[in-house]
Structure formats: structure tokens, C-alpha cells
Amino acid sequence: MSRISVRGFAVASATAVTTVGAVVGVATGSEQGDSTNDVEATAADATVLADIPVGGNTQVQTASLSQQADSQSIAADSAAKQSAQEAARKQAAEAASAKKEAAEKKAAEEKAEKERAEELETASRSEERADSGDFPAQGSYSISEVKSMAQQIVGSGQFQCFSNIVDHESGWNYQASNPSSGAYGLVQALPGSKMSSAGADWQTNPATQIKWGLNYMNDRYGSPCGAWDFWQANNWY
């Protein structure tokens, strides 16, 4: 609100009152005429201050409220956009992590399958060598000769595991016998007569024992290394 002088407005109002009073004074006499003159004189000298609202201030206040509303709306939109972006980033990170885990799992499975296939292939080649191997019969065999047979029959990929088992079972003695259980030979087949499926000379020919032992380990444990893993955990296979 602005305080302004409205002297002219007061004088005009007093003049109007005086005019009315003059007309009335014709009927009422000089007493009222004197009073009217006093009012007119007072009005002529009066200076009136009034609080009158100015339209410009109202417009400024309205504009300010509008700007505040716009600012709040912009801030709310910005917060919502930032929240949506953060949620999208989080979702993308989770999806990438899940994709990575799935890829790693698949790679591990493929690797295991490849290793398994290689083991089976090695075992198959070893079995083929065992079936086709020609080892002339001898009256006796040294440990080095028996190991040489085993390396040719089993193959280098699985020989160490096969050797570990034979070391513990018989110490590479193809005539080793366990009188209490009946186990016999390099791999201590139980009973020893099981090895007849590989050859009738199973009691005297280490090659026959090696062939039977290799087939047994492949059939039951997948490979000599699989048999060795089991042996380490249980002290038998």
C-alpha cells in the first residue's frame, strides 16, 4: 500500500457537501448556512492521507508466486529424473553382473566338459593301445619293465595317477597277494580272478593286469585320476 495526498479529492467532496447545504439552507435558515460555511472552509484547508493499494505491487507479488511454483516444479522434475537415472544405472549394473556370472558359469561348465572329453579320449586311446599292444610273455619282469608297459598302455596323461595307486596297492609287484582278502596283482583286484576278463594269463603277465586295472578305473571313476582322487579320500578305490 502507498500513502499519497488526496487534497483535491477532499476539496471536491467538501464542495459537494457545501452545495447540498446551501440548497438546504434556503429552507432552514441562516444557522445551517453558517455551519455549512464552516464545513466548506475546513474542507478547503484539509489535507487527507489515505492508504490506497497500488496495482503494480499486486502484479509483482503474483509474478513472484508464479516463479516460486515454476522453480518448485523444475526442482521436482529434476529430482524425479535423477532418481529414474539412478534406478536405471542400478538395474543395468545388476543385469551386467548377472550376465557376467552366467558367462563365467557357462565357461566353467564348458571347460569341465572339455577336460572330461579329453580324459575320455585319452582313456579310449589307452584302451585301444592296451587291446592292440603286443608284449611278448616273459618268465619274470622287473619293476622298470612293468612301469614301461604301464606308460605305453595307460598313456602319459593319466600315468602318474595310475602309478600313484599301484605304488600304494602293490609297490609295482605284479605277483603281490593279500592272503586275508584274496586281492592280487599290481592293482590288487579283489578277487584276483576278476582280471581273467582281460586275459587268461592274469597271474603272470603284468600287461594283462595293467589292461584290466585301466578299464576298471575308467569304468568306475572315469579315469585313473578320478580313481586316485577317490583313493586319497578313502584309502581304497
C-alpha atoms as a PDB file:
ATOM      1  CA  MET A   1       0.000   0.000   0.000  1.00  0.00           C
ATOM      2  CA  SER A   2       1.265   3.587  -0.756  1.00  0.00           C
ATOM      3  CA  ARG A   3       0.395   6.712   1.212  1.00  0.00           C
ATOM      4  CA  ILE A   4      -0.469   9.631  -1.122  1.00  0.00           C
ATOM      5  CA  SER A   5      -2.006  13.113  -0.647  1.00  0.00           C
ATOM      6  CA  VAL A   6      -5.544  13.479  -1.940  1.00  0.00           C
ATOM      7  CA  ARG A   7      -6.176  17.132  -1.208  1.00  0.00           C
ATOM      8  CA  GLY A   8      -8.120  17.548  -4.419  1.00  0.00           C
ATOM      9  CA  PHE A   9     -10.378  14.618  -3.549  1.00  0.00           C
ATOM     10  CA  ALA A  10     -11.179  16.168  -0.132  1.00  0.00           C
ATOM     11  CA  VAL A  11     -11.912  19.610  -1.573  1.00  0.00           C
ATOM     12  CA  ALA A  12     -14.192  18.168  -4.198  1.00  0.00           C
ATOM     13  CA  SER A  13     -16.044  16.211  -1.536  1.00  0.00           C
ATOM     14  CA  ALA A  14     -16.401  19.317   0.667  1.00  0.00           C
ATOM     15  CA  THR A  15     -17.645  21.368  -2.222  1.00  0.00           C
ATOM     16  CA  ALA A  16     -20.315  18.827  -2.933  1.00  0.00           C
ATOM     17  CA  VAL A  17     -21.375  18.894   0.704  1.00  0.00           C
ATOM     18  CA  THR A  18     -21.447  22.716   0.673  1.00  0.00           C
ATOM     19  CA  THR A  19     -23.607  22.794  -2.373  1.00  0.00           C
ATOM     20  CA  VAL A  20     -26.113  20.486  -0.782  1.00  0.00           C
ATOM     21  CA  GLY A  21     -26.008  22.505   2.414  1.00  0.00           C
ATOM     22  CA  ALA A  22     -26.693  25.710   0.540  1.00  0.00           C
ATOM     23  CA  VAL A  23     -29.779  24.310  -1.006  1.00  0.00           C
ATOM     24  CA  VAL A  24     -30.963  23.009   2.312  1.00  0.00           C
ATOM     25  CA  GLY A  25     -30.090  26.346   3.927  1.00  0.00           C
ATOM     26  CA  VAL A  26     -32.638  28.142   1.830  1.00  0.00           C
ATOM     27  CA  ALA A  27     -35.324  26.280   3.718  1.00  0.00           C
ATOM     28  CA  THR A  28     -33.733  26.046   7.152  1.00  0.00           C
ATOM     29  CA  GLY A  29     -32.325  29.467   7.716  1.00  0.00           C
ATOM     30  CA  SER A  30     -29.014  31.122   8.290  1.00  0.00           C
ATOM     31  CA  GLU A  31     -27.946  28.894  11.200  1.00  0.00           C
ATOM     32  CA  GLN A  32     -27.446  25.943   8.975  1.00  0.00           C
ATOM     33  CA  GLY A  33     -25.875  28.190   6.368  1.00  0.00           C
ATOM     34  CA  ASP A  34     -23.241  29.238   8.880  1.00  0.00           C
ATOM     35  CA  SER A  35     -22.480  25.602   9.681  1.00  0.00           C
ATOM     36  CA  THR A  36     -22.149  24.762   6.021  1.00  0.00           C
ATOM     37  CA  ASN A  37     -19.710  27.575   5.516  1.00  0.00           C
ATOM     38  CA  ASP A  38     -17.560  26.204   8.369  1.00  0.00           C
ATOM     39  CA  VAL A  39     -17.513  22.765   6.741  1.00  0.00           C
ATOM     40  CA  GLU A  40     -16.521  24.251   3.425  1.00  0.00           C
ATOM     41  CA  ALA A  41     -13.715  26.239   4.995  1.00  0.00           C
ATOM     42  CA  THR A  42     -12.452  23.223   6.865  1.00  0.00           C
ATOM     43  CA  ALA A  43     -12.588  21.085   3.743  1.00  0.00           C
ATOM     44  CA  ALA A  44     -10.722  23.712   1.745  1.00  0.00           C
ATOM     45  CA  ASP A  45      -7.787  23.691   4.179  1.00  0.00           C
ATOM     46  CA  ALA A  46      -7.756  19.909   4.896  1.00  0.00           C
ATOM     47  CA  THR A  47      -5.038  17.595   3.644  1.00  0.00           C
ATOM     48  CA  VAL A  48      -6.122  13.954   3.726  1.00  0.00           C
ATOM     49  CA  LEU A  49      -3.709  10.996   3.749  1.00  0.00           C
ATOM     50  CA  ALA A  50      -5.147   7.667   2.634  1.00  0.00           C
ATOM     51  CA  ASP A  51      -3.757   4.152   2.143  1.00  0.00           C
ATOM     52  CA  ILE A  52      -4.610   3.183  -1.386  1.00  0.00           C
ATOM     53  CA  PRO A  53      -3.428  -0.125  -2.818  1.00  0.00           C
ATOM     54  CA  VAL A  54      -1.286   0.174  -5.892  1.00  0.00           C
ATOM     55  CA  GLY A  55      -1.998  -2.372  -8.667  1.00  0.00           C
ATOM     56  CA  GLY A  56       1.710  -2.747  -9.576  1.00  0.00           C
ATOM     57  CA  ASN A  57       2.577  -4.290  -6.212  1.00  0.00           C
ATOM     58  CA  THR A  58      -0.134  -6.935  -6.611  1.00  0.00           C
ATOM     59  CA  GLN A  59       1.220  -7.853 -10.021  1.00  0.00           C
ATOM     60  CA  VAL A  60       4.760  -8.209  -8.619  1.00  0.00           C
ATOM     61  CA  GLN A  61       3.533 -10.494  -5.812  1.00  0.00           C
ATOM     62  CA  THR A  62       1.619 -12.639  -8.317  1.00  0.00           C
ATOM     63  CA  ALA A  63       4.683 -12.929 -10.555  1.00  0.00           C
ATOM     64  CA  SER A  64       6.835 -13.906  -7.569  1.00  0.00           C
ATOM     65  CA  LEU A  65       4.456 -16.715  -6.567  1.00  0.00           C
ATOM     66  CA  SER A  66       4.370 -17.942 -10.147  1.00  0.00           C
ATOM     67  CA  GLN A  67       8.175 -18.004 -10.279  1.00  0.00           C
ATOM     68  CA  GLN A  68       8.309 -19.944  -6.989  1.00  0.00           C
ATOM     69  CA  ALA A  69       5.838 -22.502  -8.331  1.00  0.00           C
ATOM     70  CA  ASP A  70       7.870 -22.859 -11.535  1.00  0.00           C
ATOM     71  CA  SER A  71      11.087 -23.319  -9.535  1.00  0.00           C
ATOM     72  CA  GLN A  72       9.499 -25.971  -7.342  1.00  0.00           C
ATOM     73  CA  SER A  73       8.160 -27.791 -10.404  1.00  0.00           C
ATOM     74  CA  ILE A  74      11.584 -27.707 -12.076  1.00  0.00           C
ATOM     75  CA  ALA A  75      13.237 -28.994  -8.889  1.00  0.00           C
ATOM     76  CA  ALA A  76      10.702 -31.813  -8.595  1.00  0.00           C
ATOM     77  CA  ASP A  77      11.198 -32.798 -12.245  1.00  0.00           C
ATOM     78  CA  SER A  78      14.982 -32.755 -11.778  1.00  0.00           C
ATOM     79  CA  ALA A  79      14.758 -34.969  -8.655  1.00  0.00           C
ATOM     80  CA  ALA A  80      12.454 -37.411 -10.418  1.00  0.00           C
ATOM     81  CA  LYS A  81      14.770 -37.539 -13.443  1.00  0.00           C
ATOM     82  CA  GLN A  82      17.813 -38.111 -11.225  1.00  0.00           C
ATOM     83  CA  SER A  83      16.001 -40.879  -9.324  1.00  0.00           C
ATOM     84  CA  ALA A  84      14.992 -42.566 -12.584  1.00  0.00           C
ATOM     85  CA  GLN A  85      18.560 -42.356 -13.895  1.00  0.00           C
ATOM     86  CA  GLU A  86      19.921 -43.855 -10.671  1.00  0.00           C
ATOM     87  CA  ALA A  87      17.396 -46.704 -10.824  1.00  0.00           C
ATOM     88  CA  ALA A  88      18.323 -47.333 -14.465  1.00  0.00           C
ATOM     89  CA  ARG A  89      22.032 -47.411 -13.610  1.00  0.00           C
ATOM     90  CA  LYS A  90      21.403 -49.826 -10.748  1.00  0.00           C
ATOM     91  CA  GLN A  91      19.289 -52.094 -12.944  1.00  0.00           C
ATOM     92  CA  ALA A  92      21.934 -52.024 -15.687  1.00  0.00           C
ATOM     93  CA  ALA A  93      24.674 -52.902 -13.163  1.00  0.00           C
ATOM     94  CA  GLU A  94      22.637 -55.821 -11.798  1.00  0.00           C
ATOM     95  CA  ALA A  95      21.927 -57.077 -15.313  1.00  0.00           C
ATOM     96  CA  ALA A  96      25.617 -56.833 -16.226  1.00  0.00           C
ATOM     97  CA  SER A  97      26.606 -58.700 -13.056  1.00  0.00           C
ATOM     98  CA  ALA A  98      24.071 -61.471 -13.733  1.00  0.00           C
ATOM     99  CA  LYS A  99      25.252 -61.715 -17.331  1.00  0.00           C
ATOM    100  CA  LYS A 100      28.878 -61.952 -16.190  1.00  0.00           C
ATOM    101  CA  GLU A 101      28.065 -64.684 -13.659  1.00  0.00           C
ATOM    102  CA  ALA A 102      26.143 -66.637 -16.287  1.00  0.00           C
ATOM    103  CA  ALA A 103      29.048 -66.312 -18.738  1.00  0.00           C
ATOM    104  CA  GLU A 104      31.566 -67.431 -16.103  1.00  0.00           C
ATOM    105  CA  LYS A 105      29.375 -70.386 -15.148  1.00  0.00           C
ATOM    106  CA  LYS A 106      28.969 -71.379 -18.774  1.00  0.00           C
ATOM    107  CA  ALA A 107      32.734 -71.078 -19.357  1.00  0.00           C
ATOM    108  CA  ALA A 108      33.438 -73.246 -16.304  1.00  0.00           C
ATOM    109  CA  GLU A 109      30.957 -75.870 -17.479  1.00  0.00           C
ATOM    110  CA  GLU A 110      32.442 -75.856 -20.975  1.00  0.00           C
ATOM    111  CA  LYS A 111      35.942 -76.178 -19.528  1.00  0.00           C
ATOM    112  CA  ALA A 112      34.899 -79.098 -17.321  1.00  0.00           C
ATOM    113  CA  GLU A 113      33.173 -80.760 -20.253  1.00  0.00           C
ATOM    114  CA  LYS A 114      36.251 -80.274 -22.422  1.00  0.00           C
ATOM    115  CA  GLU A 115      38.508 -81.758 -19.755  1.00  0.00           C
ATOM    116  CA  ARG A 116      36.130 -84.663 -19.345  1.00  0.00           C
ATOM    117  CA  ALA A 117      36.116 -85.269 -23.108  1.00  0.00           C
ATOM    118  CA  GLU A 118      39.902 -85.150 -23.183  1.00  0.00           C
ATOM    119  CA  GLU A 119      40.090 -87.649 -20.338  1.00  0.00           C
ATOM    120  CA  LEU A 120      37.687 -89.979 -22.087  1.00  0.00           C
ATOM    121  CA  GLU A 121      39.591 -89.624 -25.333  1.00  0.00           C
ATOM    122  CA  THR A 122      42.856 -90.363 -23.560  1.00  0.00           C
ATOM    123  CA  ALA A 123      41.295 -93.352 -21.849  1.00  0.00           C
ATOM    124  CA  SER A 124      39.899 -94.545 -25.166  1.00  0.00           C
ATOM    125  CA  ARG A 125      43.288 -94.259 -26.835  1.00  0.00           C
ATOM    126  CA  SER A 126      44.854 -96.040 -23.893  1.00  0.00           C
ATOM    127  CA  GLU A 127      42.292 -98.812 -24.163  1.00  0.00           C
ATOM    128  CA  GLU A 128      42.970 -99.134 -27.866  1.00  0.00           C
ATOM    129  CA  ARG A 129      46.681 -99.356 -27.184  1.00  0.00           C
ATOM    130  CA  ALA A 130      46.040-101.944 -24.491  1.00  0.00           C
ATOM    131  CA  ASP A 131      43.951-104.041 -26.834  1.00  0.00           C
ATOM    132  CA  SER A 132      46.466-103.827 -29.645  1.00  0.00           C
ATOM    133  CA  GLY A 133      49.622-103.780 -27.565  1.00  0.00           C
ATOM    134  CA  ASP A 134      51.959-106.660 -28.117  1.00  0.00           C
ATOM    135  CA  PHE A 135      54.085-107.524 -25.133  1.00  0.00           C
ATOM    136  CA  PRO A 136      55.919-110.841 -25.516  1.00  0.00           C
ATOM    137  CA  ALA A 137      55.489-113.095 -22.496  1.00  0.00           C
ATOM    138  CA  GLN A 138      58.461-113.396 -20.189  1.00  0.00           C
ATOM    139  CA  GLY A 139      59.293-115.596 -17.251  1.00  0.00           C
ATOM    140  CA  SER A 140      59.649-112.570 -14.999  1.00  0.00           C
ATOM    141  CA  TYR A 141      59.519-108.764 -15.173  1.00  0.00           C
ATOM    142  CA  SER A 142      61.476-106.037 -13.405  1.00  0.00           C
ATOM    143  CA  ILE A 143      59.749-103.025 -11.929  1.00  0.00           C
ATOM    144  CA  SER A 144      61.168-100.811 -14.667  1.00  0.00           C
ATOM    145  CA  GLU A 145      59.806-103.148 -17.328  1.00  0.00           C
ATOM    146  CA  VAL A 146      56.381-103.190 -15.722  1.00  0.00           C
ATOM    147  CA  LYS A 147      56.342 -99.370 -15.472  1.00  0.00           C
ATOM    148  CA  SER A 148      57.338 -99.125 -19.121  1.00  0.00           C
ATOM    149  CA  MET A 149      54.385-101.349 -20.044  1.00  0.00           C
ATOM    150  CA  ALA A 150      52.053 -99.196 -17.953  1.00  0.00           C
ATOM    151  CA  GLN A 151      53.245 -95.969 -19.609  1.00  0.00           C
ATOM    152  CA  GLN A 152      52.521 -97.428 -23.034  1.00  0.00           C
ATOM    153  CA  ILE A 153      49.117 -98.820 -22.053  1.00  0.00           C
ATOM    154  CA  VAL A 154      47.835 -96.021 -19.832  1.00  0.00           C
ATOM    155  CA  GLY A 155      49.348 -93.047 -21.643  1.00  0.00           C
ATOM    156  CA  SER A 156      51.247 -90.074 -20.249  1.00  0.00           C
ATOM    157  CA  GLY A 157      48.130 -88.038 -19.381  1.00  0.00           C
ATOM    158  CA  GLN A 158      46.898 -90.489 -16.744  1.00  0.00           C
ATOM    159  CA  PHE A 159      50.024 -92.478 -15.966  1.00  0.00           C
ATOM    160  CA  GLN A 160      51.036 -90.573 -12.824  1.00  0.00           C
ATOM    161  CA  CYS A 161      47.636 -91.140 -11.198  1.00  0.00           C
ATOM    162  CA  PHE A 162      47.722 -94.818 -12.203  1.00  0.00           C
ATOM    163  CA  SER A 163      51.263 -95.068 -10.823  1.00  0.00           C
ATOM    164  CA  ASN A 164      50.248 -93.486  -7.509  1.00  0.00           C
ATOM    165  CA  ILE A 165      47.595 -96.155  -6.981  1.00  0.00           C
ATOM    166  CA  VAL A 166      49.901 -99.026  -7.932  1.00  0.00           C
ATOM    167  CA  ASP A 167      52.594 -97.625  -5.602  1.00  0.00           C
ATOM    168  CA  HIS A 168      50.190 -97.864  -2.674  1.00  0.00           C
ATOM    169  CA  GLU A 169      48.469-101.099  -3.649  1.00  0.00           C
ATOM    170  CA  SER A 170      51.381-103.347  -4.649  1.00  0.00           C
ATOM    171  CA  GLY A 171      54.609-101.370  -4.967  1.00  0.00           C
ATOM    172  CA  TRP A 172      54.674-102.484  -8.654  1.00  0.00           C
ATOM    173  CA  ASN A 173      54.864-106.142  -7.704  1.00  0.00           C
ATOM    174  CA  TYR A 174      52.661-107.933 -10.270  1.00  0.00           C
ATOM    175  CA  GLN A 175      52.658-111.057  -8.042  1.00  0.00           C
ATOM    176  CA  ALA A 176      51.621-109.243  -4.859  1.00  0.00           C
ATOM    177  CA  SER A 177      48.958-111.200  -2.964  1.00  0.00           C
ATOM    178  CA  ASN A 178      46.849-110.400   0.075  1.00  0.00           C
ATOM    179  CA  PRO A 179      46.110-113.709   1.803  1.00  0.00           C
ATOM    180  CA  SER A 180      43.461-112.260   4.084  1.00  0.00           C
ATOM    181  CA  SER A 181      41.328-110.676   1.356  1.00  0.00           C
ATOM    182  CA  GLY A 182      42.366-112.519  -1.778  1.00  0.00           C
ATOM    183  CA  ALA A 183      43.374-109.327  -3.624  1.00  0.00           C
ATOM    184  CA  TYR A 184      46.069-109.925  -6.217  1.00  0.00           C
ATOM    185  CA  GLY A 185      48.444-108.217  -8.646  1.00  0.00           C
ATOM    186  CA  LEU A 186      49.532-104.661  -9.441  1.00  0.00           C
ATOM    187  CA  VAL A 187      46.140-103.096  -8.789  1.00  0.00           C
ATOM    188  CA  GLN A 188      45.090-105.632  -6.120  1.00  0.00           C
ATOM    189  CA  ALA A 189      41.980-106.831  -7.913  1.00  0.00           C
ATOM    190  CA  LEU A 190      39.528-108.419  -5.478  1.00  0.00           C
ATOM    191  CA  PRO A 191      39.312-111.238  -6.123  1.00  0.00           C
ATOM    192  CA  GLY A 192      42.270-111.579  -8.449  1.00  0.00           C
ATOM    193  CA  SER A 193      40.329-113.829 -10.769  1.00  0.00           C
ATOM    194  CA  LYS A 194      38.373-110.785 -11.986  1.00  0.00           C
ATOM    195  CA  MET A 195      41.365-109.984 -14.183  1.00  0.00           C
ATOM    196  CA  SER A 196      40.688-113.060 -16.289  1.00  0.00           C
ATOM    197  CA  SER A 197      38.340-110.865 -18.336  1.00  0.00           C
ATOM    198  CA  ALA A 198      41.480-109.210 -19.718  1.00  0.00           C
ATOM    199  CA  GLY A 199      43.429-112.389 -20.268  1.00  0.00           C
ATOM    200  CA  ALA A 200      43.914-115.914 -19.026  1.00  0.00           C
ATOM    201  CA  ASP A 201      47.491-115.094 -18.038  1.00  0.00           C
ATOM    202  CA  TRP A 202      46.417-112.550 -15.427  1.00  0.00           C
ATOM    203  CA  GLN A 203      48.505-114.183 -12.697  1.00  0.00           C
ATOM    204  CA  THR A 204      51.825-113.955 -14.569  1.00  0.00           C
ATOM    205  CA  ASN A 205      51.508-111.180 -17.142  1.00  0.00           C
ATOM    206  CA  PRO A 206      51.684-107.570 -15.792  1.00  0.00           C
ATOM    207  CA  ALA A 207      50.382-106.221 -19.106  1.00  0.00           C
ATOM    208  CA  THR A 208      47.139-108.150 -18.605  1.00  0.00           C
ATOM    209  CA  GLN A 209      46.835-106.750 -15.073  1.00  0.00           C
ATOM    210  CA  ILE A 210      47.510-103.196 -16.295  1.00  0.00           C
ATOM    211  CA  LYS A 211      44.848-103.501 -19.004  1.00  0.00           C
ATOM    212  CA  TRP A 212      42.292-104.772 -16.532  1.00  0.00           C
ATOM    213  CA  GLY A 213      43.178-102.108 -13.947  1.00  0.00           C
ATOM    214  CA  LEU A 214      42.899 -99.306 -16.508  1.00  0.00           C
ATOM    215  CA  ASN A 215      39.475-100.494 -17.694  1.00  0.00           C
ATOM    216  CA  TYR A 216      38.278-100.780 -14.098  1.00  0.00           C
ATOM    217  CA  MET A 217      39.361 -97.224 -13.228  1.00  0.00           C
ATOM    218  CA  ASN A 218      37.791 -95.790 -16.381  1.00  0.00           C
ATOM    219  CA  ASP A 219      34.508 -97.631 -15.858  1.00  0.00           C
ATOM    220  CA  ARG A 220      34.107 -96.843 -12.168  1.00  0.00           C
ATOM    221  CA  TYR A 221      35.792 -93.428 -11.760  1.00  0.00           C
ATOM    222  CA  GLY A 222      36.038 -92.055 -15.280  1.00  0.00           C
ATOM    223  CA  SER A 223      39.820 -92.176 -15.354  1.00  0.00           C
ATOM    224  CA  PRO A 224      42.841 -93.190 -13.288  1.00  0.00           C
ATOM    225  CA  CYS A 225      42.989 -89.644 -11.907  1.00  0.00           C
ATOM    226  CA  GLY A 226      39.364 -89.956 -10.823  1.00  0.00           C
ATOM    227  CA  ALA A 227      40.271 -93.222  -9.098  1.00  0.00           C
ATOM    228  CA  TRP A 228      43.266 -91.567  -7.433  1.00  0.00           C
ATOM    229  CA  ASP A 229      41.099 -88.721  -6.096  1.00  0.00           C
ATOM    230  CA  PHE A 230      38.786 -91.291  -4.534  1.00  0.00           C
ATOM    231  CA  TRP A 231      41.715 -93.294  -3.159  1.00  0.00           C
ATOM    232  CA  GLN A 232      43.158 -90.225  -1.407  1.00  0.00           C
ATOM    233  CA  ALA A 233      39.832 -89.553   0.281  1.00  0.00           C
ATOM    234  CA  ASN A 234      39.190 -93.177   1.324  1.00  0.00           C
ATOM    235  CA  ASN A 235      42.491 -95.098   1.177  1.00  0.00           C
ATOM    236  CA  TRP A 236      40.904 -97.577  -1.206  1.00  0.00           C
ATOM    237  CA  TYR A 237      39.250 -97.497  -4.597  1.00  0.00           C
END
